[in-house]
N, C-alpha and C. Protein backbone atom coordinates (compact mmCIF):
# COMPACT_ATOMS: atom_id res chain seq x y z
N UNK A 1 -65.38 26.78 -51.50
CA UNK A 1 -64.41 26.19 -52.38
C UNK A 1 -63.20 25.65 -51.62
N UNK A 2 -62.79 26.32 -50.54
CA UNK A 2 -61.64 25.83 -49.77
C UNK A 2 -61.96 24.47 -49.14
N UNK A 3 -63.22 24.23 -48.80
CA UNK A 3 -63.64 22.94 -48.26
C UNK A 3 -63.35 21.83 -49.26
N UNK A 4 -63.68 22.07 -50.52
CA UNK A 4 -63.47 21.07 -51.57
C UNK A 4 -61.98 20.81 -51.78
N UNK A 5 -61.17 21.85 -51.77
CA UNK A 5 -59.72 21.69 -51.94
C UNK A 5 -59.15 20.89 -50.79
N UNK A 6 -59.54 21.21 -49.58
CA UNK A 6 -59.01 20.51 -48.41
C UNK A 6 -59.41 19.04 -48.43
N UNK A 7 -60.64 18.74 -48.80
CA UNK A 7 -61.09 17.35 -48.83
C UNK A 7 -60.44 16.59 -49.98
N UNK A 8 -60.11 17.26 -51.05
CA UNK A 8 -59.36 16.63 -52.13
C UNK A 8 -57.96 16.25 -51.67
N UNK A 9 -57.35 17.10 -50.85
CA UNK A 9 -56.03 16.80 -50.29
C UNK A 9 -56.10 15.62 -49.35
N UNK A 10 -57.18 15.52 -48.58
CA UNK A 10 -57.35 14.38 -47.67
C UNK A 10 -57.45 13.10 -48.48
N UNK A 11 -58.25 13.10 -49.52
CA UNK A 11 -58.42 11.91 -50.35
C UNK A 11 -57.11 11.51 -51.01
N UNK A 12 -56.38 12.48 -51.52
CA UNK A 12 -55.09 12.19 -52.17
C UNK A 12 -54.10 11.59 -51.18
N UNK A 13 -54.03 12.17 -49.99
CA UNK A 13 -53.11 11.66 -48.97
C UNK A 13 -53.52 10.25 -48.54
N UNK A 14 -54.82 10.01 -48.39
CA UNK A 14 -55.30 8.69 -47.98
C UNK A 14 -54.85 7.61 -48.95
N UNK A 15 -54.80 7.94 -50.22
CA UNK A 15 -54.39 6.96 -51.22
C UNK A 15 -52.89 6.67 -51.20
N UNK A 16 -52.10 7.56 -50.61
CA UNK A 16 -50.65 7.38 -50.60
C UNK A 16 -50.11 6.81 -49.29
N UNK A 17 -50.99 6.55 -48.33
CA UNK A 17 -50.53 5.99 -47.05
C UNK A 17 -50.01 4.57 -47.25
N UNK A 18 -49.14 4.11 -46.34
CA UNK A 18 -48.56 2.77 -46.46
C UNK A 18 -49.63 1.68 -46.51
N UNK A 19 -49.25 0.57 -47.10
CA UNK A 19 -50.18 -0.53 -47.34
C UNK A 19 -50.65 -1.25 -46.09
N UNK A 20 -50.01 -1.03 -44.92
CA UNK A 20 -50.50 -1.72 -43.72
C UNK A 20 -51.87 -1.19 -43.30
N UNK A 21 -52.32 -0.09 -43.88
CA UNK A 21 -53.67 0.42 -43.65
C UNK A 21 -54.54 -0.04 -44.81
N UNK A 22 -55.12 -1.21 -44.68
CA UNK A 22 -55.92 -1.78 -45.76
C UNK A 22 -57.34 -1.21 -45.78
N UNK A 23 -57.81 -0.77 -44.64
CA UNK A 23 -59.17 -0.24 -44.52
C UNK A 23 -59.20 1.22 -44.99
N UNK A 24 -60.05 1.50 -45.98
CA UNK A 24 -60.14 2.86 -46.52
C UNK A 24 -60.56 3.86 -45.45
N UNK A 25 -61.43 3.47 -44.55
CA UNK A 25 -61.85 4.38 -43.48
C UNK A 25 -60.68 4.76 -42.58
N UNK A 26 -59.84 3.80 -42.26
CA UNK A 26 -58.64 4.10 -41.46
C UNK A 26 -57.76 5.10 -42.20
N UNK A 27 -57.59 4.90 -43.49
CA UNK A 27 -56.77 5.81 -44.29
C UNK A 27 -57.34 7.23 -44.28
N UNK A 28 -58.66 7.35 -44.38
CA UNK A 28 -59.29 8.67 -44.36
C UNK A 28 -59.17 9.33 -42.99
N UNK A 29 -59.30 8.54 -41.93
CA UNK A 29 -59.16 9.08 -40.57
C UNK A 29 -57.75 9.61 -40.36
N UNK A 30 -56.75 8.83 -40.74
CA UNK A 30 -55.35 9.24 -40.58
C UNK A 30 -55.04 10.46 -41.43
N UNK A 31 -55.46 10.45 -42.68
CA UNK A 31 -55.21 11.58 -43.58
C UNK A 31 -55.86 12.85 -43.05
N UNK A 32 -57.06 12.74 -42.49
CA UNK A 32 -57.75 13.91 -41.93
C UNK A 32 -56.97 14.46 -40.75
N UNK A 33 -56.48 13.59 -39.87
CA UNK A 33 -55.69 14.04 -38.72
C UNK A 33 -54.42 14.75 -39.19
N UNK A 34 -53.80 14.24 -40.24
CA UNK A 34 -52.57 14.86 -40.74
C UNK A 34 -52.86 16.23 -41.35
N UNK A 35 -53.86 16.33 -42.20
CA UNK A 35 -54.19 17.59 -42.88
C UNK A 35 -54.59 18.67 -41.88
N UNK A 36 -55.35 18.28 -40.85
CA UNK A 36 -55.82 19.26 -39.86
C UNK A 36 -54.88 19.42 -38.68
N UNK A 37 -53.72 18.77 -38.71
CA UNK A 37 -52.75 18.83 -37.60
C UNK A 37 -53.41 18.46 -36.28
N UNK A 38 -54.25 17.43 -36.33
CA UNK A 38 -55.03 17.02 -35.15
C UNK A 38 -54.38 15.84 -34.45
N UNK A 39 -54.65 15.71 -33.18
CA UNK A 39 -54.24 14.52 -32.43
C UNK A 39 -55.30 13.46 -32.68
N UNK A 40 -54.89 12.23 -32.69
CA UNK A 40 -55.78 11.11 -33.01
C UNK A 40 -55.78 10.11 -31.87
N UNK A 41 -56.95 9.79 -31.36
CA UNK A 41 -57.11 8.81 -30.30
C UNK A 41 -57.56 7.51 -30.93
N UNK A 42 -56.79 6.44 -30.75
CA UNK A 42 -57.14 5.16 -31.35
C UNK A 42 -56.53 4.01 -30.57
N UNK A 43 -57.25 2.90 -30.58
CA UNK A 43 -56.73 1.65 -30.02
C UNK A 43 -56.40 0.67 -31.13
N UNK A 44 -56.44 1.13 -32.37
CA UNK A 44 -56.12 0.29 -33.53
C UNK A 44 -54.63 -0.05 -33.49
N UNK A 45 -54.31 -1.32 -33.57
CA UNK A 45 -52.92 -1.77 -33.47
C UNK A 45 -52.07 -1.35 -34.66
N UNK A 46 -52.68 -1.06 -35.79
CA UNK A 46 -51.92 -0.69 -36.99
C UNK A 46 -51.51 0.79 -36.99
N UNK A 47 -52.20 1.63 -36.27
CA UNK A 47 -51.92 3.07 -36.33
C UNK A 47 -50.51 3.45 -35.87
N UNK A 48 -49.99 2.86 -34.80
CA UNK A 48 -48.64 3.26 -34.37
C UNK A 48 -47.55 2.98 -35.42
N UNK A 49 -47.81 2.09 -36.36
CA UNK A 49 -46.82 1.79 -37.40
C UNK A 49 -46.70 2.91 -38.42
N UNK A 50 -47.63 3.84 -38.45
CA UNK A 50 -47.61 4.92 -39.42
C UNK A 50 -46.69 6.05 -38.93
N UNK A 51 -45.58 6.23 -39.60
CA UNK A 51 -44.59 7.25 -39.21
C UNK A 51 -45.18 8.66 -39.19
N UNK A 52 -46.15 8.93 -40.05
CA UNK A 52 -46.71 10.28 -40.14
C UNK A 52 -47.55 10.65 -38.92
N UNK A 53 -47.90 9.68 -38.12
CA UNK A 53 -48.68 9.96 -36.91
C UNK A 53 -47.81 10.18 -35.68
N UNK A 54 -46.50 10.13 -35.83
CA UNK A 54 -45.60 10.35 -34.69
C UNK A 54 -45.93 11.69 -34.03
N UNK A 55 -46.17 11.64 -32.74
CA UNK A 55 -46.50 12.86 -32.00
C UNK A 55 -47.96 13.26 -32.06
N UNK A 56 -48.75 12.58 -32.87
CA UNK A 56 -50.16 12.90 -33.01
C UNK A 56 -51.07 11.81 -32.46
N UNK A 57 -50.52 10.64 -32.25
CA UNK A 57 -51.33 9.50 -31.86
C UNK A 57 -51.40 9.37 -30.34
N UNK A 58 -52.62 9.27 -29.85
CA UNK A 58 -52.88 9.01 -28.44
C UNK A 58 -53.41 7.59 -28.39
N UNK A 59 -52.67 6.69 -27.76
CA UNK A 59 -53.11 5.30 -27.66
C UNK A 59 -52.85 4.79 -26.26
N UNK A 60 -53.07 3.53 -26.04
CA UNK A 60 -52.93 2.94 -24.70
C UNK A 60 -51.64 3.28 -24.13
């Protein structure tokens, strides 16, 4: 049951991310990193614009 609750939180957060993330998959990846307090490795140019990834994003 905790799995379902956690994934519901990921989906909810993904829907509230800023509009510069137009791709739903990007939104889910970012929301998952935030919920799990994970570092995220990406070369996507839009990711650094997300304030919630400060300190979590590993990029070029």
